[in-house]
Amino acid sequence: MHRLLGWLVTCALIACHASAPVIPHPTPMPTTHQLPVLDSFLSYREEGTGSPIVFLHGNPTSSYVWRNVMPRLADRGRCLAPDLIGMGSSGKPDIAYRYADHARYLDAWFDALGLRDVVLVGYDWGGVLALDWASRHPDRVRGVVVFETFLRPMHWSEWPPQGEKLFRALRTPGVGEQMVLEQNEFLERSLSNGVKTGLTDSARAAYYAPYPDAASRRPMLQWPREIPIDGSPADVAAVIEHYDTWLAQPTAKPALLLTFEGGSLSAPKTIEWARTQFPRLEIVPLSPAGHHAPEDVPEDISGALRSWLDRQGW
């Protein structure tokens, strides 16, 4: 847990630019579509045919983060990667961008496409959304793959003093707005510290493009405020507790947890806790990577997914 908290503090306080070579994009790139949902629309990438494999991103990235993973799995299914509402190229309606909002628009997207027999792959908040959707729609799911995500609620007592001070500030009205919306600190520091291999100028520009002004950055600010700490916000804590209960059942769908040395949410204590709690969860360690692991090790992630699909007979 302290490893996780150390990363969260580092992302907010330190901007370090890596210079290692960046993995080239495989070709062809996934096709991008837009689909009307509720009062707005979601943009999504698509590649391949067959049973759907849905990739869900986290904060502050977009479906772009999966561009080097999806083509390597296009022969195994219909790979789909939406931009969450208010993020990437999706619409930016005037909403609060709470967790429930993201789940509501994503539910509408799944329903509009009529997706069934789904394998979900998610990291960061995308992992939460994947586990949540699977636990609420078990009849439409084959299995779930997650990494670098929240597996259980947190407590302020687990945070070091510096981390507690910082995240209480982010969750304080007015203070967080200045830090994230006006100064735009979160995006740069998350990308710089969460990608060990570095980003090309074009990749960095792709991540910056959806957030040209303060209003567009509201989802980035709200996500830290959605982290369930000491039971608040209660509705998000309940979401995680619900899918934990679902995962703990012997009848749960097959699940895979990928872990990374150096990853922010791959702390050994959390991994061991998950191993003892979830009987149908397979845990596979991969190469060292940052929090935004698809940027660092797309081959390892896609290879692990292919192997897991094979083991499931899919």
Protein backbone atom coordinates (compact mmCIF):
# COMPACT_ATOMS: atom_id res chain seq x y z
CA MET A 1 0.00 0.00 0.00
CA HIS A 2 2.84 2.40 0.79
CA ARG A 3 4.22 1.63 -2.66
CA LEU A 4 0.91 2.77 -4.18
CA LEU A 5 0.80 5.90 -2.07
CA GLY A 6 4.39 6.70 -2.92
CA TRP A 7 3.53 6.65 -6.61
CA LEU A 8 0.47 8.84 -6.13
CA VAL A 9 2.53 11.42 -4.29
CA THR A 10 5.33 11.21 -6.85
CA CYS A 11 2.93 11.75 -9.76
CA ALA A 12 1.66 14.91 -8.13
CA LEU A 13 4.97 16.34 -6.94
CA ILE A 14 7.66 15.28 -9.42
CA ALA A 15 7.90 15.68 -13.21
CA CYS A 16 10.70 13.56 -14.64
CA HIS A 17 11.09 13.13 -18.40
CA ALA A 18 12.29 9.71 -19.57
CA SER A 19 14.38 9.39 -22.72
CA ALA A 20 14.40 5.66 -23.44
CA PRO A 21 13.35 4.49 -26.93
CA VAL A 22 9.61 4.35 -27.57
CA ILE A 23 8.07 1.18 -29.00
CA PRO A 24 6.88 1.79 -32.59
CA HIS A 25 3.20 1.46 -33.47
CA PRO A 26 2.12 -1.77 -35.15
CA THR A 27 0.00 -1.33 -38.27
CA PRO A 28 -2.75 -0.96 -39.21
CA MET A 29 -4.10 1.40 -36.56
CA PRO A 30 -7.60 0.64 -35.21
CA THR A 31 -10.51 2.42 -36.89
CA THR A 32 -12.17 5.18 -34.85
CA HIS A 33 -15.96 5.55 -34.58
CA GLN A 34 -18.44 7.73 -32.71
CA LEU A 35 -21.64 6.36 -31.18
CA PRO A 36 -24.49 8.50 -29.76
CA VAL A 37 -25.18 7.59 -26.10
CA LEU A 38 -27.63 9.34 -23.79
CA ASP A 39 -27.24 13.11 -24.37
CA SER A 40 -23.73 12.87 -25.88
CA PHE A 41 -21.49 10.37 -27.68
CA LEU A 42 -18.58 8.05 -27.05
CA SER A 43 -15.67 7.72 -29.43
CA TYR A 44 -14.14 4.26 -29.73
CA ARG A 45 -11.47 2.33 -31.62
CA GLU A 46 -12.23 -0.99 -33.29
CA GLU A 47 -10.15 -3.76 -34.82
CA GLY A 48 -10.90 -7.39 -35.71
CA THR A 49 -14.04 -9.54 -35.69
CA GLY A 50 -15.62 -12.15 -33.45
CA SER A 51 -16.50 -12.15 -29.77
CA PRO A 52 -15.80 -8.72 -28.24
CA ILE A 53 -12.70 -7.85 -26.23
CA VAL A 54 -13.29 -4.44 -24.63
CA PHE A 55 -10.34 -2.32 -23.45
CA LEU A 56 -11.00 0.39 -20.83
CA HIS A 57 -8.50 3.15 -20.06
CA GLY A 58 -7.97 5.17 -16.90
CA ASN A 59 -7.08 8.70 -15.85
CA PRO A 60 -5.76 10.80 -17.60
CA THR A 61 -5.36 8.67 -20.74
CA SER A 62 -7.77 7.58 -23.49
CA SER A 63 -8.31 4.67 -25.88
CA TYR A 64 -5.08 5.83 -27.51
CA VAL A 65 -3.20 4.00 -24.75
CA TRP A 66 -4.32 0.66 -26.28
CA ARG A 67 -3.08 1.43 -29.82
CA ASN A 68 -0.11 -0.97 -29.53
CA VAL A 69 -2.10 -3.75 -27.81
CA MET A 70 -5.29 -4.04 -29.86
CA PRO A 71 -3.74 -4.88 -33.27
CA ARG A 72 -1.85 -7.77 -31.67
CA LEU A 73 -5.16 -9.31 -30.56
CA ALA A 74 -7.32 -8.48 -33.57
CA ASP A 75 -7.17 -12.08 -34.77
CA ARG A 76 -8.67 -13.25 -31.46
CA GLY A 77 -11.82 -11.14 -31.39
CA ARG A 78 -13.55 -7.84 -32.04
CA CYS A 79 -11.30 -5.45 -30.13
CA LEU A 80 -13.08 -2.31 -28.94
CA ALA A 81 -11.68 0.57 -26.88
CA PRO A 82 -13.97 3.48 -25.93
CA ASP A 83 -12.92 6.89 -24.68
CA LEU A 84 -14.69 7.45 -21.37
CA ILE A 85 -17.15 10.31 -21.31
CA GLY A 86 -15.37 13.68 -21.17
CA MET A 87 -12.06 12.06 -22.09
CA GLY A 88 -10.23 11.41 -25.34
CA SER A 89 -12.41 12.24 -28.35
CA SER A 90 -15.70 11.50 -26.59
CA GLY A 91 -18.30 14.17 -25.88
CA LYS A 92 -17.91 16.56 -22.97
CA PRO A 93 -21.42 17.11 -21.56
CA ASP A 94 -22.04 19.39 -18.59
CA ILE A 95 -22.05 16.71 -15.88
CA ALA A 96 -20.22 16.15 -12.60
CA TYR A 97 -17.98 13.35 -14.00
CA ARG A 98 -18.47 11.25 -10.92
CA TYR A 99 -17.86 7.51 -11.13
CA ALA A 100 -21.58 6.87 -11.57
CA ASP A 101 -21.62 9.19 -14.59
CA HIS A 102 -18.83 7.27 -16.31
CA ALA A 103 -20.56 3.95 -15.56
CA ARG A 104 -23.89 5.27 -16.87
CA TYR A 105 -22.49 6.39 -20.24
CA LEU A 106 -20.41 3.24 -20.56
CA ASP A 107 -23.47 1.08 -19.84
CA ALA A 108 -25.32 2.90 -22.62
CA TRP A 109 -22.42 2.26 -25.01
CA PHE A 110 -22.39 -1.49 -24.23
CA ASP A 111 -26.15 -1.62 -24.75
CA ALA A 112 -26.11 0.41 -27.98
CA LEU A 113 -23.58 -2.01 -29.48
CA GLY A 114 -25.44 -5.03 -28.08
CA LEU A 115 -22.22 -6.50 -26.68
CA ARG A 116 -22.36 -10.00 -25.20
CA ASP A 117 -19.84 -12.77 -24.54
CA VAL A 118 -17.39 -10.02 -23.59
CA VAL A 119 -13.83 -10.20 -22.30
CA LEU A 120 -13.06 -6.96 -20.45
CA VAL A 121 -9.54 -5.56 -20.09
CA GLY A 122 -8.99 -2.50 -17.91
CA TYR A 123 -6.42 -0.62 -15.88
CA ASP A 124 -6.58 2.23 -13.37
CA TRP A 125 -10.23 3.39 -13.28
CA GLY A 126 -10.82 1.31 -16.40
CA GLY A 127 -10.18 -1.73 -14.23
CA VAL A 128 -12.80 -0.56 -11.73
CA LEU A 129 -15.28 -0.01 -14.54
CA ALA A 130 -14.48 -3.44 -16.02
CA LEU A 131 -14.98 -5.31 -12.74
CA ASP A 132 -18.09 -3.28 -11.93
CA TRP A 133 -19.71 -3.94 -15.32
CA ALA A 134 -18.82 -7.64 -15.19
CA SER A 135 -20.26 -8.06 -11.69
CA ARG A 136 -23.51 -6.39 -12.80
CA HIS A 137 -23.75 -8.25 -16.13
CA PRO A 138 -22.31 -11.73 -15.50
CA ASP A 139 -24.52 -13.24 -18.21
CA ARG A 140 -22.80 -11.05 -20.82
CA VAL A 141 -19.20 -11.69 -19.72
CA ARG A 142 -16.65 -14.40 -20.47
CA GLY A 143 -13.88 -13.05 -18.25
CA VAL A 144 -12.05 -10.00 -16.93
CA VAL A 145 -8.41 -8.89 -17.11
CA VAL A 146 -7.18 -6.02 -14.94
CA PHE A 147 -3.94 -4.40 -13.86
CA GLU A 148 -2.84 -1.28 -12.01
CA THR A 149 -6.33 -0.80 -10.57
CA PHE A 150 -8.13 -0.44 -7.23
CA LEU A 151 -8.84 -3.88 -5.79
CA ARG A 152 -10.18 -2.65 -2.44
CA PRO A 153 -11.16 0.61 -0.72
CA MET A 154 -8.52 2.60 1.17
CA HIS A 155 -8.10 4.36 4.53
CA TRP A 156 -6.44 7.67 5.38
CA SER A 157 -4.49 5.87 8.11
CA GLU A 158 -2.59 4.03 5.37
CA TRP A 159 -1.34 7.27 3.82
CA PRO A 160 1.94 8.92 4.82
CA PRO A 161 1.50 12.51 6.12
CA GLN A 162 2.70 14.13 2.87
CA GLY A 163 0.35 12.02 0.75
CA GLU A 164 -2.60 12.68 3.02
CA LYS A 165 -1.96 16.43 2.86
CA LEU A 166 -1.72 16.38 -0.93
CA PHE A 167 -4.83 14.32 -1.62
CA ARG A 168 -6.90 16.15 0.94
CA ALA A 169 -5.91 19.27 -1.02
CA LEU A 170 -6.98 17.70 -4.32
CA ARG A 171 -10.32 16.85 -2.75
CA THR A 172 -10.79 20.34 -1.29
CA PRO A 173 -13.04 22.64 -3.38
CA GLY A 174 -11.05 25.51 -4.85
CA VAL A 175 -7.64 24.06 -4.04
CA GLY A 176 -7.90 21.06 -6.38
CA GLU A 177 -9.34 23.28 -9.11
CA GLN A 178 -6.29 25.52 -8.97
CA MET A 179 -3.87 22.59 -9.06
CA VAL A 180 -5.53 20.58 -11.85
CA LEU A 181 -7.80 22.86 -13.87
CA GLU A 182 -5.79 26.08 -13.87
CA GLN A 183 -2.19 24.87 -13.56
CA ASN A 184 -2.75 21.59 -15.46
CA GLU A 185 -0.19 19.78 -13.31
CA PHE A 186 -1.76 16.34 -13.17
CA LEU A 187 -1.60 15.42 -16.87
CA GLU A 188 2.11 16.12 -17.35
CA ARG A 189 3.22 14.52 -14.13
CA SER A 190 1.09 11.42 -14.57
CA LEU A 191 2.42 10.83 -18.07
CA SER A 192 6.02 11.59 -17.16
CA ASN A 193 6.08 9.35 -14.11
CA GLY A 194 3.71 6.66 -15.36
CA VAL A 195 5.58 5.79 -18.59
CA LYS A 196 9.08 4.41 -18.06
CA THR A 197 10.00 4.25 -21.77
CA GLY A 198 9.02 7.85 -22.47
CA LEU A 199 6.62 9.30 -25.02
CA THR A 200 7.16 10.64 -28.51
CA ASP A 201 6.07 14.19 -29.20
CA SER A 202 3.12 12.86 -31.22
CA ALA A 203 2.00 10.56 -28.41
CA ARG A 204 2.26 13.34 -25.84
CA ALA A 205 0.26 15.63 -28.14
CA ALA A 206 -2.45 12.96 -28.48
CA TYR A 207 -2.88 12.85 -24.71
CA TYR A 208 -2.89 16.64 -24.37
CA ALA A 209 -5.33 17.33 -27.21
CA PRO A 210 -8.57 16.54 -25.29
CA TYR A 211 -7.72 19.03 -22.52
CA PRO A 212 -7.08 22.50 -24.02
CA ASP A 213 -8.68 24.49 -21.19
CA ALA A 214 -9.81 24.34 -17.57
CA ALA A 215 -13.36 23.21 -18.35
CA SER A 216 -12.11 20.23 -20.35
CA ARG A 217 -9.96 19.05 -17.43
CA ARG A 218 -12.81 18.47 -15.01
CA PRO A 219 -12.75 14.66 -15.43
CA MET A 220 -9.05 14.60 -14.50
CA LEU A 221 -9.80 16.44 -11.24
CA GLN A 222 -12.87 14.43 -10.33
CA TRP A 223 -11.19 11.04 -10.60
CA PRO A 224 -8.88 11.62 -7.57
CA ARG A 225 -11.94 12.73 -5.63
CA GLU A 226 -13.62 9.41 -6.45
CA ILE A 227 -10.96 7.29 -4.69
CA PRO A 228 -12.84 5.66 -1.79
CA ILE A 229 -10.94 6.61 1.38
CA ASP A 230 -12.42 5.85 4.81
CA GLY A 231 -15.68 5.04 3.08
CA SER A 232 -15.96 8.34 1.18
CA PRO A 233 -17.37 8.63 -1.38
CA ALA A 234 -19.65 5.89 -0.09
CA ASP A 235 -21.14 5.00 -3.48
CA VAL A 236 -17.73 4.25 -5.00
CA ALA A 237 -16.65 2.24 -1.96
CA ALA A 238 -19.86 0.22 -2.39
CA VAL A 239 -19.00 -0.45 -6.05
CA ILE A 240 -15.61 -1.91 -5.14
CA GLU A 241 -17.02 -3.91 -2.24
CA HIS A 242 -19.69 -5.30 -4.56
CA TYR A 243 -17.27 -6.59 -7.17
CA ASP A 244 -14.96 -7.91 -4.45
CA THR A 245 -17.87 -9.99 -3.17
CA TRP A 246 -18.56 -11.16 -6.73
CA LEU A 247 -14.91 -12.07 -7.38
CA ALA A 248 -14.74 -14.04 -4.14
CA GLN A 249 -17.51 -16.42 -5.22
CA PRO A 250 -16.51 -19.82 -6.65
CA THR A 251 -18.96 -19.16 -9.49
CA ALA A 252 -17.27 -15.90 -10.54
CA LYS A 253 -16.12 -15.57 -14.12
CA PRO A 254 -12.44 -16.27 -14.87
CA ALA A 255 -10.26 -13.29 -14.00
CA LEU A 256 -6.63 -12.37 -14.66
CA LEU A 257 -4.51 -9.88 -12.73
CA LEU A 258 -1.34 -8.68 -14.47
CA THR A 259 1.36 -7.27 -12.21
CA PHE A 260 4.47 -5.24 -13.00
CA GLU A 261 7.65 -4.66 -11.06
CA GLY A 262 7.69 -0.90 -10.57
CA GLY A 263 3.96 -0.55 -11.16
CA SER A 264 2.15 1.74 -8.77
CA LEU A 265 -0.75 -0.58 -7.92
CA SER A 266 1.20 -3.85 -8.00
CA ALA A 267 2.22 -3.79 -4.32
CA PRO A 268 3.11 -7.30 -3.02
CA LYS A 269 0.70 -7.05 -0.06
CA THR A 270 -2.20 -6.19 -2.35
CA ILE A 271 -1.31 -9.02 -4.72
CA GLU A 272 -1.17 -11.55 -1.90
CA TRP A 273 -4.44 -10.27 -0.49
CA ALA A 274 -6.09 -10.75 -3.89
CA ARG A 275 -4.59 -14.22 -4.23
CA THR A 276 -6.19 -15.35 -0.96
CA GLN A 277 -9.53 -13.61 -1.55
CA PHE A 278 -10.39 -14.50 -5.14
CA PRO A 279 -10.28 -18.24 -5.99
CA ARG A 280 -10.79 -17.79 -9.75
CA LEU A 281 -8.22 -15.01 -10.10
CA GLU A 282 -5.04 -15.94 -11.94
CA ILE A 283 -2.05 -13.68 -11.25
CA VAL A 284 0.68 -13.27 -13.88
CA PRO A 285 3.77 -11.09 -13.29
CA LEU A 286 5.16 -9.27 -16.33
CA SER A 287 8.18 -7.11 -17.15
CA PRO A 288 8.86 -3.89 -15.24
CA ALA A 289 6.53 -1.10 -16.34
CA GLY A 290 5.03 2.16 -15.18
CA HIS A 291 1.42 2.76 -14.20
CA HIS A 292 0.46 3.34 -17.87
CA ALA A 293 1.85 -0.09 -18.71
CA PRO A 294 0.41 -0.37 -22.26
CA GLU A 295 2.86 2.38 -23.25
CA ASP A 296 5.82 0.44 -21.84
CA VAL A 297 5.15 -3.25 -22.52
CA PRO A 298 2.36 -3.71 -25.09
CA GLU A 299 3.91 -6.95 -26.39
CA ASP A 300 4.00 -8.46 -22.90
CA ILE A 301 0.40 -7.44 -22.18
CA SER A 302 -0.94 -8.74 -25.49
CA GLY A 303 1.10 -11.95 -25.13
CA ALA A 304 -0.24 -12.55 -21.62
CA LEU A 305 -3.78 -11.98 -22.88
CA ARG A 306 -3.33 -14.41 -25.77
CA SER A 307 -1.95 -17.08 -23.43
CA TRP A 308 -4.79 -16.58 -20.95
CA LEU A 309 -7.39 -16.80 -23.75
CA ASP A 310 -5.75 -20.05 -24.86
CA ARG A 311 -5.87 -21.45 -21.32
CA GLN A 312 -9.58 -20.64 -21.15
CA GLY A 313 -10.20 -22.40 -24.47
CA TRP A 314 -11.33 -19.17 -26.14
